[in-house]
């Protein structure tokens, strides 16, 4: 949105309908297309008083002079009621995580701490060696039923065999090639 604003309001050529992305691009366009000398370039429209020349190359938020950025952040902090320096302060770094193998004795200690934290005892977990999810109901893995005759099954499901033919997975009838 900011770059569209800059292109529409600031970096438009006064001599043709061309709109450019940067002040430098506008300067090159005017020099090459309209054959004006660098000292005859028009000032940038709708710009701040000290930024209406082509010396500062601004594209979006890149290239804005440091004092202007600091002033902008200071005004925003006052406007939003934030502590001074909170916008300009660098963000806290995340703690570094090491991907190294954990020794077996340390792993046992961590497991015991976890079991104590979760309220499970070591005896209950070692004697009850199930692979199901705790508290979940039993799972039923049944093959989907075949659709009624004359109805097409959904895509990806097997179709009913024609009458007189064995369903898939069944051995063929004796005497029929299969």
N, C-alpha and C. Protein backbone atom coordinates (compact mmCIF):
# COMPACT_ATOMS: atom_id res chain seq x y z
N UNK A 1 0.83 -1.19 0.00
CA UNK A 1 0.00 0.00 0.00
C UNK A 1 0.88 1.25 0.00
N UNK A 2 1.95 1.23 0.79
CA UNK A 2 2.84 2.39 0.85
C UNK A 2 3.50 2.65 -0.50
N UNK A 3 3.96 1.59 -1.15
CA UNK A 3 4.62 1.76 -2.45
C UNK A 3 3.64 2.23 -3.52
N UNK A 4 2.38 1.76 -3.43
CA UNK A 4 1.36 2.24 -4.37
C UNK A 4 1.11 3.73 -4.16
N UNK A 5 1.09 4.16 -2.89
CA UNK A 5 0.92 5.57 -2.57
C UNK A 5 2.07 6.40 -3.13
N UNK A 6 3.30 5.92 -2.91
CA UNK A 6 4.46 6.66 -3.41
C UNK A 6 4.43 6.77 -4.93
N UNK A 7 4.06 5.67 -5.58
CA UNK A 7 4.00 5.66 -7.04
C UNK A 7 2.93 6.63 -7.55
N UNK A 8 1.78 6.67 -6.88
CA UNK A 8 0.67 7.50 -7.35
C UNK A 8 0.86 8.98 -7.00
N UNK A 9 1.38 9.30 -5.83
CA UNK A 9 1.43 10.68 -5.36
C UNK A 9 2.77 11.38 -5.58
N UNK A 10 3.86 10.64 -5.52
CA UNK A 10 5.17 11.29 -5.52
C UNK A 10 5.99 11.04 -6.78
N UNK A 11 5.96 9.83 -7.30
CA UNK A 11 6.86 9.47 -8.40
C UNK A 11 6.13 9.40 -9.73
N UNK A 12 5.29 10.39 -10.02
CA UNK A 12 4.62 10.45 -11.32
C UNK A 12 5.29 11.54 -12.16
N UNK A 13 5.41 11.24 -13.44
CA UNK A 13 6.05 12.18 -14.36
C UNK A 13 5.07 13.31 -14.67
N UNK A 14 5.56 14.56 -14.64
CA UNK A 14 4.71 15.72 -14.92
C UNK A 14 4.46 15.90 -16.42
N UNK A 15 5.27 15.25 -17.24
CA UNK A 15 5.19 15.46 -18.68
C UNK A 15 4.46 14.35 -19.43
N UNK A 16 4.24 13.22 -18.78
CA UNK A 16 3.51 12.11 -19.39
C UNK A 16 2.80 11.34 -18.27
N UNK A 17 1.94 10.39 -18.61
CA UNK A 17 1.19 9.69 -17.56
C UNK A 17 1.97 8.60 -16.83
N UNK A 18 3.27 8.51 -17.06
CA UNK A 18 4.08 7.44 -16.49
C UNK A 18 4.24 7.61 -14.98
N UNK A 19 4.12 6.48 -14.24
CA UNK A 19 4.35 6.47 -12.79
C UNK A 19 5.48 5.50 -12.51
N UNK A 20 6.43 5.91 -11.68
CA UNK A 20 7.60 5.08 -11.41
C UNK A 20 7.69 4.74 -9.93
N UNK A 21 8.57 3.79 -9.58
CA UNK A 21 8.64 3.29 -8.21
C UNK A 21 9.54 4.11 -7.29
N UNK A 22 10.56 4.75 -7.82
CA UNK A 22 11.51 5.48 -6.98
C UNK A 22 11.82 6.84 -7.59
N UNK A 23 12.42 7.69 -6.76
CA UNK A 23 12.83 9.01 -7.25
C UNK A 23 13.94 8.86 -8.28
N UNK A 24 14.84 7.92 -8.07
CA UNK A 24 15.90 7.68 -9.04
C UNK A 24 15.35 7.20 -10.36
N UNK A 25 14.35 6.32 -10.31
CA UNK A 25 13.71 5.85 -11.54
C UNK A 25 13.03 6.99 -12.28
N UNK A 26 12.40 7.89 -11.52
CA UNK A 26 11.76 9.06 -12.13
C UNK A 26 12.80 9.97 -12.79
N UNK A 27 13.93 10.17 -12.11
CA UNK A 27 14.98 11.02 -12.66
C UNK A 27 15.53 10.44 -13.96
N UNK A 28 15.79 9.13 -13.98
CA UNK A 28 16.30 8.48 -15.19
C UNK A 28 15.28 8.59 -16.31
N UNK A 29 14.00 8.36 -15.99
CA UNK A 29 12.94 8.45 -16.99
C UNK A 29 12.92 9.85 -17.62
N UNK A 30 12.93 10.88 -16.79
CA UNK A 30 12.86 12.26 -17.30
C UNK A 30 14.08 12.59 -18.16
N UNK A 31 15.26 12.12 -17.74
CA UNK A 31 16.48 12.40 -18.50
C UNK A 31 16.49 11.67 -19.84
N UNK A 32 16.05 10.39 -19.85
CA UNK A 32 16.15 9.60 -21.08
C UNK A 32 14.99 9.83 -22.03
N UNK A 33 13.77 9.91 -21.50
CA UNK A 33 12.59 10.03 -22.37
C UNK A 33 12.35 11.48 -22.77
N UNK A 34 12.43 12.39 -21.81
CA UNK A 34 12.11 13.79 -22.08
C UNK A 34 13.35 14.64 -22.32
N UNK A 35 14.52 14.04 -22.26
CA UNK A 35 15.80 14.68 -22.61
C UNK A 35 16.09 15.95 -21.81
N UNK A 36 15.79 15.92 -20.51
CA UNK A 36 16.12 17.06 -19.65
C UNK A 36 17.46 16.79 -18.97
N UNK A 37 18.20 17.83 -18.70
CA UNK A 37 19.48 17.72 -18.00
C UNK A 37 19.21 17.53 -16.50
N UNK A 38 20.15 16.91 -15.76
CA UNK A 38 19.94 16.69 -14.32
C UNK A 38 19.67 17.96 -13.54
N UNK A 39 20.23 19.09 -13.95
CA UNK A 39 19.98 20.34 -13.21
C UNK A 39 18.62 20.96 -13.52
N UNK A 40 17.93 20.46 -14.55
CA UNK A 40 16.62 20.98 -14.93
C UNK A 40 15.47 20.08 -14.45
N UNK A 41 15.77 19.04 -13.67
CA UNK A 41 14.73 18.12 -13.22
C UNK A 41 13.74 18.84 -12.31
N UNK A 42 12.44 18.57 -12.48
CA UNK A 42 11.44 19.20 -11.59
C UNK A 42 11.51 18.58 -10.20
N UNK A 43 11.02 19.32 -9.21
CA UNK A 43 10.99 18.82 -7.84
C UNK A 43 9.94 17.71 -7.74
N UNK A 44 10.08 16.82 -6.76
CA UNK A 44 9.14 15.73 -6.56
C UNK A 44 7.87 16.30 -5.94
N UNK A 45 6.72 15.97 -6.53
CA UNK A 45 5.43 16.49 -6.07
C UNK A 45 5.06 15.91 -4.71
N UNK A 46 4.35 16.70 -3.92
CA UNK A 46 3.75 16.30 -2.64
C UNK A 46 4.76 15.70 -1.66
N UNK A 47 6.02 16.08 -1.75
CA UNK A 47 7.04 15.53 -0.87
C UNK A 47 7.24 16.45 0.33
N UNK A 48 7.86 15.91 1.38
CA UNK A 48 8.23 16.72 2.53
C UNK A 48 9.25 17.77 2.08
N UNK A 49 9.35 18.90 2.79
CA UNK A 49 10.22 19.99 2.33
C UNK A 49 11.67 19.57 2.08
N UNK A 50 12.25 18.73 2.90
CA UNK A 50 13.65 18.37 2.70
C UNK A 50 13.82 17.11 1.84
N UNK A 51 12.73 16.58 1.29
CA UNK A 51 12.84 15.37 0.49
C UNK A 51 12.29 15.55 -0.92
N UNK A 52 12.24 16.76 -1.41
CA UNK A 52 11.67 16.97 -2.74
C UNK A 52 12.72 16.90 -3.84
N UNK A 53 13.94 16.49 -3.49
CA UNK A 53 15.00 16.31 -4.48
C UNK A 53 15.21 14.83 -4.79
N UNK A 54 16.20 14.56 -5.62
CA UNK A 54 16.46 13.20 -6.06
C UNK A 54 17.67 12.59 -5.35
N UNK A 55 18.20 13.27 -4.33
CA UNK A 55 19.40 12.79 -3.65
C UNK A 55 19.11 11.58 -2.77
N UNK A 56 17.96 11.56 -2.11
CA UNK A 56 17.61 10.47 -1.21
C UNK A 56 16.77 9.46 -1.98
N UNK A 57 17.23 8.21 -2.01
CA UNK A 57 16.53 7.14 -2.72
C UNK A 57 15.67 6.38 -1.70
N UNK A 58 14.35 6.57 -1.76
CA UNK A 58 13.42 5.92 -0.83
C UNK A 58 12.52 5.00 -1.63
N UNK A 59 12.41 3.75 -1.15
CA UNK A 59 11.53 2.76 -1.78
C UNK A 59 10.79 2.07 -0.65
N UNK A 60 9.50 2.37 -0.49
CA UNK A 60 8.76 1.83 0.65
C UNK A 60 9.30 2.45 1.92
N UNK A 61 9.71 1.61 2.88
CA UNK A 61 10.32 2.10 4.12
C UNK A 61 11.84 2.02 4.06
N UNK A 62 12.40 1.59 2.94
CA UNK A 62 13.85 1.48 2.79
C UNK A 62 14.43 2.82 2.34
N UNK A 63 15.55 3.19 2.91
CA UNK A 63 16.24 4.40 2.48
C UNK A 63 15.83 5.66 3.21
N UNK A 64 14.92 5.57 4.17
CA UNK A 64 14.52 6.76 4.93
C UNK A 64 15.69 7.13 5.85
N UNK A 65 16.08 8.40 5.93
CA UNK A 65 17.20 8.80 6.80
C UNK A 65 16.94 8.41 8.26
N UNK A 66 18.00 7.98 8.95
CA UNK A 66 17.89 7.48 10.34
C UNK A 66 17.25 8.49 11.28
N UNK A 67 17.59 9.79 11.23
CA UNK A 67 16.93 10.74 12.15
C UNK A 67 15.42 10.81 11.93
N UNK A 68 15.00 10.71 10.67
CA UNK A 68 13.57 10.76 10.37
C UNK A 68 12.86 9.52 10.90
N UNK A 69 13.50 8.35 10.80
CA UNK A 69 12.91 7.11 11.32
C UNK A 69 12.80 7.20 12.84
N UNK A 70 13.85 7.68 13.51
CA UNK A 70 13.82 7.82 14.97
C UNK A 70 12.73 8.79 15.40
N UNK A 71 12.58 9.89 14.69
CA UNK A 71 11.54 10.88 14.99
C UNK A 71 10.15 10.26 14.81
N UNK A 72 9.97 9.50 13.74
CA UNK A 72 8.69 8.83 13.48
C UNK A 72 8.35 7.85 14.61
N UNK A 73 9.33 7.04 15.03
CA UNK A 73 9.09 6.07 16.10
C UNK A 73 8.77 6.78 17.41
N UNK A 74 9.46 7.87 17.69
CA UNK A 74 9.20 8.63 18.92
C UNK A 74 7.77 9.19 18.91
N UNK A 75 7.34 9.74 17.77
CA UNK A 75 5.96 10.25 17.66
C UNK A 75 4.94 9.13 17.84
N UNK A 76 5.20 7.96 17.26
CA UNK A 76 4.27 6.82 17.38
C UNK A 76 4.17 6.35 18.83
N UNK A 77 5.30 6.29 19.55
CA UNK A 77 5.29 5.89 20.95
C UNK A 77 4.44 6.84 21.78
N UNK A 78 4.57 8.13 21.54
CA UNK A 78 3.77 9.13 22.27
C UNK A 78 2.30 8.98 21.90
N UNK A 79 2.04 8.81 20.61
CA UNK A 79 0.66 8.70 20.13
C UNK A 79 -0.04 7.46 20.69
N UNK A 80 0.70 6.33 20.78
CA UNK A 80 0.11 5.08 21.27
C UNK A 80 0.23 4.93 22.78
N UNK A 81 0.91 5.84 23.45
CA UNK A 81 1.05 5.77 24.90
C UNK A 81 2.00 4.69 25.36
N UNK A 82 3.00 4.38 24.56
CA UNK A 82 3.98 3.34 24.91
C UNK A 82 5.16 3.95 25.64
N UNK A 83 5.95 3.07 26.29
CA UNK A 83 7.16 3.53 26.96
C UNK A 83 8.16 4.02 25.92
N UNK A 84 8.91 5.08 26.22
CA UNK A 84 9.91 5.56 25.26
C UNK A 84 10.94 4.47 24.96
N UNK A 85 11.22 4.26 23.69
CA UNK A 85 12.20 3.26 23.27
C UNK A 85 11.63 1.88 23.05
N UNK A 86 10.33 1.68 23.28
CA UNK A 86 9.76 0.33 23.14
C UNK A 86 9.63 -0.09 21.68
N UNK A 87 9.36 0.85 20.78
CA UNK A 87 9.25 0.50 19.36
C UNK A 87 10.64 0.29 18.77
N UNK A 88 11.57 1.15 19.15
CA UNK A 88 12.91 1.07 18.55
C UNK A 88 13.78 0.01 19.20
N UNK A 89 13.36 -0.56 20.34
CA UNK A 89 14.17 -1.59 21.00
C UNK A 89 14.15 -2.87 20.17
N UNK A 90 15.30 -3.54 20.07
CA UNK A 90 15.31 -4.80 19.31
C UNK A 90 14.50 -5.87 20.04
N UNK A 91 13.93 -6.77 19.28
CA UNK A 91 13.13 -7.83 19.87
C UNK A 91 14.04 -8.81 20.60
N UNK A 92 13.51 -9.42 21.67
CA UNK A 92 14.29 -10.38 22.44
C UNK A 92 14.55 -11.62 21.60
N UNK A 93 15.76 -12.15 21.72
CA UNK A 93 16.12 -13.34 20.96
C UNK A 93 15.54 -14.57 21.64
N UNK A 94 15.22 -15.57 20.82
CA UNK A 94 14.74 -16.83 21.38
C UNK A 94 15.92 -17.58 22.00
N UNK A 95 15.66 -18.38 23.04
CA UNK A 95 16.77 -19.15 23.62
C UNK A 95 17.28 -20.18 22.60
N UNK A 96 18.58 -20.40 22.62
CA UNK A 96 19.18 -21.33 21.68
C UNK A 96 18.88 -22.76 22.13
N UNK A 97 18.45 -23.58 21.19
CA UNK A 97 18.12 -24.98 21.48
C UNK A 97 19.20 -25.84 20.85
N UNK A 98 19.81 -26.68 21.68
CA UNK A 98 20.87 -27.55 21.16
C UNK A 98 20.26 -28.89 20.77
N UNK A 99 20.58 -29.34 19.59
CA UNK A 99 20.13 -30.65 19.12
C UNK A 99 21.26 -31.65 19.29
N UNK A 100 21.43 -32.12 20.53
CA UNK A 100 22.47 -33.10 20.81
C UNK A 100 21.82 -34.27 21.53
N UNK A 101 22.41 -35.45 21.44
CA UNK A 101 21.83 -36.61 22.12
C UNK A 101 21.87 -36.42 23.64
N UNK A 102 20.78 -36.85 24.29
CA UNK A 102 20.69 -36.75 25.75
C UNK A 102 21.21 -38.05 26.34
N UNK A 103 22.12 -38.00 27.33
CA UNK A 103 22.62 -39.23 27.95
C UNK A 103 21.46 -40.02 28.57
N UNK A 104 21.63 -41.35 28.62
CA UNK A 104 20.55 -42.23 29.06
C UNK A 104 20.12 -41.96 30.51
N UNK A 105 21.08 -41.72 31.41
CA UNK A 105 20.71 -41.46 32.80
C UNK A 105 19.93 -40.15 32.94
N UNK A 106 20.32 -39.13 32.16
CA UNK A 106 19.58 -37.87 32.19
C UNK A 106 18.18 -38.04 31.60
N UNK A 107 18.08 -38.89 30.58
CA UNK A 107 16.79 -39.17 29.96
C UNK A 107 15.86 -39.87 30.95
N UNK A 108 16.42 -40.83 31.73
CA UNK A 108 15.60 -41.50 32.76
C UNK A 108 15.10 -40.50 33.80
N UNK A 109 15.99 -39.59 34.23
CA UNK A 109 15.60 -38.58 35.21
C UNK A 109 14.48 -37.69 34.66
N UNK A 110 14.61 -37.28 33.40
CA UNK A 110 13.58 -36.45 32.78
C UNK A 110 12.26 -37.21 32.69
N UNK A 111 12.32 -38.52 32.38
CA UNK A 111 11.11 -39.33 32.29
C UNK A 111 10.44 -39.44 33.66
N UNK A 112 11.22 -39.66 34.70
CA UNK A 112 10.67 -39.75 36.05
C UNK A 112 10.02 -38.42 36.45
N UNK A 113 10.67 -37.32 36.15
CA UNK A 113 10.09 -36.02 36.46
C UNK A 113 8.78 -35.82 35.71
N UNK A 114 8.75 -36.26 34.46
CA UNK A 114 7.54 -36.13 33.66
C UNK A 114 6.41 -36.99 34.23
N UNK A 115 6.74 -38.21 34.65
CA UNK A 115 5.72 -39.09 35.23
C UNK A 115 5.16 -38.50 36.52
N UNK A 116 6.05 -37.94 37.35
CA UNK A 116 5.58 -37.31 38.58
C UNK A 116 4.69 -36.11 38.27
N UNK A 117 5.08 -35.35 37.26
CA UNK A 117 4.31 -34.19 36.86
C UNK A 117 2.93 -34.59 36.34
N UNK A 118 2.87 -35.68 35.60
CA UNK A 118 1.60 -36.14 35.03
C UNK A 118 0.78 -36.95 36.02
N UNK A 119 1.35 -37.31 37.16
CA UNK A 119 0.59 -38.04 38.17
C UNK A 119 0.51 -39.53 37.91
N UNK A 120 1.33 -40.04 37.04
CA UNK A 120 1.32 -41.48 36.76
C UNK A 120 2.47 -42.12 37.51
N UNK A 121 2.25 -43.34 38.00
CA UNK A 121 3.32 -44.05 38.70
C UNK A 121 4.07 -44.94 37.73
N UNK A 122 5.30 -45.26 38.07
CA UNK A 122 6.14 -46.07 37.18
C UNK A 122 5.61 -47.49 37.06
N UNK A 123 5.01 -48.02 38.15
CA UNK A 123 4.51 -49.40 38.11
C UNK A 123 3.32 -49.52 37.17
N UNK A 124 2.41 -48.57 37.21
CA UNK A 124 1.20 -48.63 36.39
C UNK A 124 1.56 -48.58 34.91
N UNK A 125 2.53 -47.77 34.55
CA UNK A 125 2.86 -47.65 33.13
C UNK A 125 3.64 -48.86 32.63
N UNK A 126 4.45 -49.50 33.49
CA UNK A 126 5.22 -50.64 33.02
C UNK A 126 4.37 -51.90 32.94
N UNK A 127 3.36 -52.07 33.83
CA UNK A 127 2.52 -53.27 33.80
C UNK A 127 1.43 -53.17 32.73
N UNK A 128 1.01 -51.98 32.39
CA UNK A 128 -0.06 -51.78 31.42
C UNK A 128 0.56 -51.36 30.10
N UNK A 129 0.96 -52.31 29.29
CA UNK A 129 1.66 -52.00 28.04
C UNK A 129 0.69 -52.09 26.87
N UNK A 130 -0.23 -51.15 26.79
CA UNK A 130 -1.16 -51.10 25.66
C UNK A 130 -0.68 -50.05 24.69
N UNK A 131 -1.11 -50.20 23.44
CA UNK A 131 -0.71 -49.22 22.44
C UNK A 131 -1.85 -48.29 22.07
N UNK A 132 -2.96 -48.33 22.80
CA UNK A 132 -4.09 -47.46 22.47
C UNK A 132 -3.93 -46.11 23.16
N UNK A 133 -4.73 -45.16 22.75
CA UNK A 133 -4.72 -43.82 23.33
C UNK A 133 -5.49 -43.85 24.64
N UNK A 134 -4.92 -43.23 25.68
CA UNK A 134 -5.55 -43.23 26.99
C UNK A 134 -6.88 -42.49 26.94
N UNK A 135 -7.94 -43.13 27.44
CA UNK A 135 -9.25 -42.50 27.51
C UNK A 135 -10.05 -42.55 26.22
N UNK A 136 -9.49 -43.09 25.16
CA UNK A 136 -10.20 -43.14 23.89
C UNK A 136 -10.99 -44.44 23.79
N UNK A 137 -12.11 -44.40 23.09
CA UNK A 137 -12.92 -45.59 22.90
C UNK A 137 -12.27 -46.55 21.92
N UNK A 138 -12.79 -47.77 21.84
CA UNK A 138 -12.20 -48.74 20.92
C UNK A 138 -12.43 -48.30 19.47
N UNK A 139 -11.49 -48.63 18.63
CA UNK A 139 -11.57 -48.27 17.22
C UNK A 139 -12.11 -49.46 16.43
N UNK A 140 -12.98 -49.20 15.51
CA UNK A 140 -13.50 -50.24 14.63
C UNK A 140 -13.01 -49.94 13.22
N UNK A 141 -12.29 -50.88 12.65
CA UNK A 141 -11.77 -50.71 11.30
C UNK A 141 -12.51 -51.69 10.40
N UNK A 142 -13.61 -51.25 9.86
CA UNK A 142 -14.42 -52.11 9.00
C UNK A 142 -14.31 -51.62 7.56
N UNK A 143 -14.49 -52.57 6.64
CA UNK A 143 -14.48 -52.22 5.22
C UNK A 143 -15.81 -51.54 4.92
N UNK A 144 -15.80 -50.47 4.11
CA UNK A 144 -17.05 -49.79 3.81
C UNK A 144 -18.00 -50.71 3.04
N UNK A 145 -19.29 -50.54 3.31
CA UNK A 145 -20.31 -51.38 2.67
C UNK A 145 -20.42 -51.03 1.19
N UNK A 146 -20.86 -52.00 0.40
CA UNK A 146 -21.06 -51.78 -1.02
C UNK A 146 -22.34 -51.00 -1.22
N UNK A 147 -22.39 -50.11 -2.22
CA UNK A 147 -23.62 -49.36 -2.47
C UNK A 147 -24.70 -50.28 -3.04
N UNK A 148 -25.97 -49.88 -2.92
CA UNK A 148 -27.04 -50.72 -3.46
C UNK A 148 -26.91 -50.85 -4.98
N UNK A 149 -27.49 -51.91 -5.56
CA UNK A 149 -27.37 -52.12 -7.00
C UNK A 149 -27.92 -50.92 -7.77
N UNK A 150 -27.21 -50.54 -8.83
CA UNK A 150 -27.64 -49.44 -9.68
C UNK A 150 -27.12 -48.08 -9.24
N UNK A 151 -26.50 -48.01 -8.08
CA UNK A 151 -25.99 -46.73 -7.59
C UNK A 151 -24.48 -46.71 -7.74
N UNK A 152 -23.96 -45.60 -8.23
CA UNK A 152 -22.51 -45.50 -8.42
C UNK A 152 -21.85 -45.21 -7.07
N UNK A 153 -20.76 -45.89 -6.78
CA UNK A 153 -20.04 -45.59 -5.53
C UNK A 153 -19.27 -44.28 -5.67
N UNK A 154 -18.90 -43.67 -4.56
CA UNK A 154 -18.11 -42.43 -4.63
C UNK A 154 -16.75 -42.71 -5.28
N UNK A 155 -16.12 -41.68 -5.83
CA UNK A 155 -14.81 -41.89 -6.46
C UNK A 155 -13.81 -42.47 -5.46
N UNK A 156 -13.03 -43.44 -5.92
CA UNK A 156 -12.03 -44.06 -5.07
C UNK A 156 -12.51 -45.35 -4.44
N UNK A 157 -13.81 -45.65 -4.50
CA UNK A 157 -14.34 -46.88 -3.95
C UNK A 157 -14.49 -47.90 -5.07
N UNK A 158 -14.36 -49.20 -4.76
CA UNK A 158 -14.51 -50.21 -5.81
C UNK A 158 -15.96 -50.32 -6.27
N UNK A 159 -16.14 -50.65 -7.52
CA UNK A 159 -17.49 -50.82 -8.07
C UNK A 159 -17.95 -52.24 -7.84
N UNK A 160 -19.27 -52.44 -7.85
CA UNK A 160 -19.85 -53.78 -7.74
C UNK A 160 -19.53 -54.55 -9.01
N UNK A 161 -19.17 -55.80 -8.87
CA UNK A 161 -18.93 -56.60 -10.08
C UNK A 161 -20.26 -56.90 -10.77
N UNK A 162 -20.23 -57.16 -12.07
CA UNK A 162 -21.47 -57.52 -12.77
C UNK A 162 -22.05 -58.81 -12.19
N UNK A 163 -23.37 -59.02 -12.34
CA UNK A 163 -23.97 -60.25 -11.80
C UNK A 163 -23.29 -61.47 -12.40
N UNK A 164 -23.05 -62.46 -11.55
CA UNK A 164 -22.42 -63.70 -11.98
C UNK A 164 -20.92 -63.69 -11.83
N UNK A 165 -20.34 -62.53 -11.53
CA UNK A 165 -18.88 -62.45 -11.35
C UNK A 165 -18.59 -62.38 -9.86
N UNK A 166 -17.44 -62.92 -9.49
CA UNK A 166 -17.04 -62.90 -8.08
C UNK A 166 -16.55 -61.50 -7.71
N UNK A 167 -16.84 -61.04 -6.49
CA UNK A 167 -16.33 -59.74 -6.06
C UNK A 167 -14.80 -59.75 -6.00
N UNK A 168 -14.18 -58.59 -6.04
CA UNK A 168 -12.72 -58.56 -5.98
C UNK A 168 -12.22 -59.15 -4.66
N UNK A 169 -11.13 -59.88 -4.75
CA UNK A 169 -10.56 -60.51 -3.57
C UNK A 169 -11.09 -61.91 -3.33
N UNK A 170 -12.10 -62.33 -4.06
CA UNK A 170 -12.68 -63.67 -3.91
C UNK A 170 -12.14 -64.56 -5.03
N UNK A 171 -11.96 -65.84 -4.76
CA UNK A 171 -11.52 -66.73 -5.84
C UNK A 171 -12.65 -66.86 -6.87
N UNK A 172 -12.31 -67.06 -8.14
CA UNK A 172 -13.35 -67.18 -9.17
C UNK A 172 -14.15 -68.46 -8.99
N UNK A 173 -15.36 -68.46 -9.58
CA UNK A 173 -16.18 -69.66 -9.52
C UNK A 173 -15.48 -70.78 -10.27
N UNK A 174 -15.66 -72.05 -9.83
CA UNK A 174 -15.02 -73.16 -10.54
C UNK A 174 -15.52 -73.22 -11.99
N UNK A 175 -14.60 -73.42 -12.90
CA UNK A 175 -14.95 -73.55 -14.30
C UNK A 175 -14.90 -72.25 -15.07
N UNK A 176 -14.77 -71.10 -14.39
CA UNK A 176 -14.68 -69.81 -15.07
C UNK A 176 -13.21 -69.39 -15.14
N UNK A 177 -12.80 -68.80 -16.26
CA UNK A 177 -11.41 -68.30 -16.30
C UNK A 177 -11.29 -67.08 -15.39
N UNK A 178 -10.18 -66.95 -14.83
CA UNK A 178 -10.12 -65.82 -13.95
C UNK A 178 -8.80 -65.29 -13.77
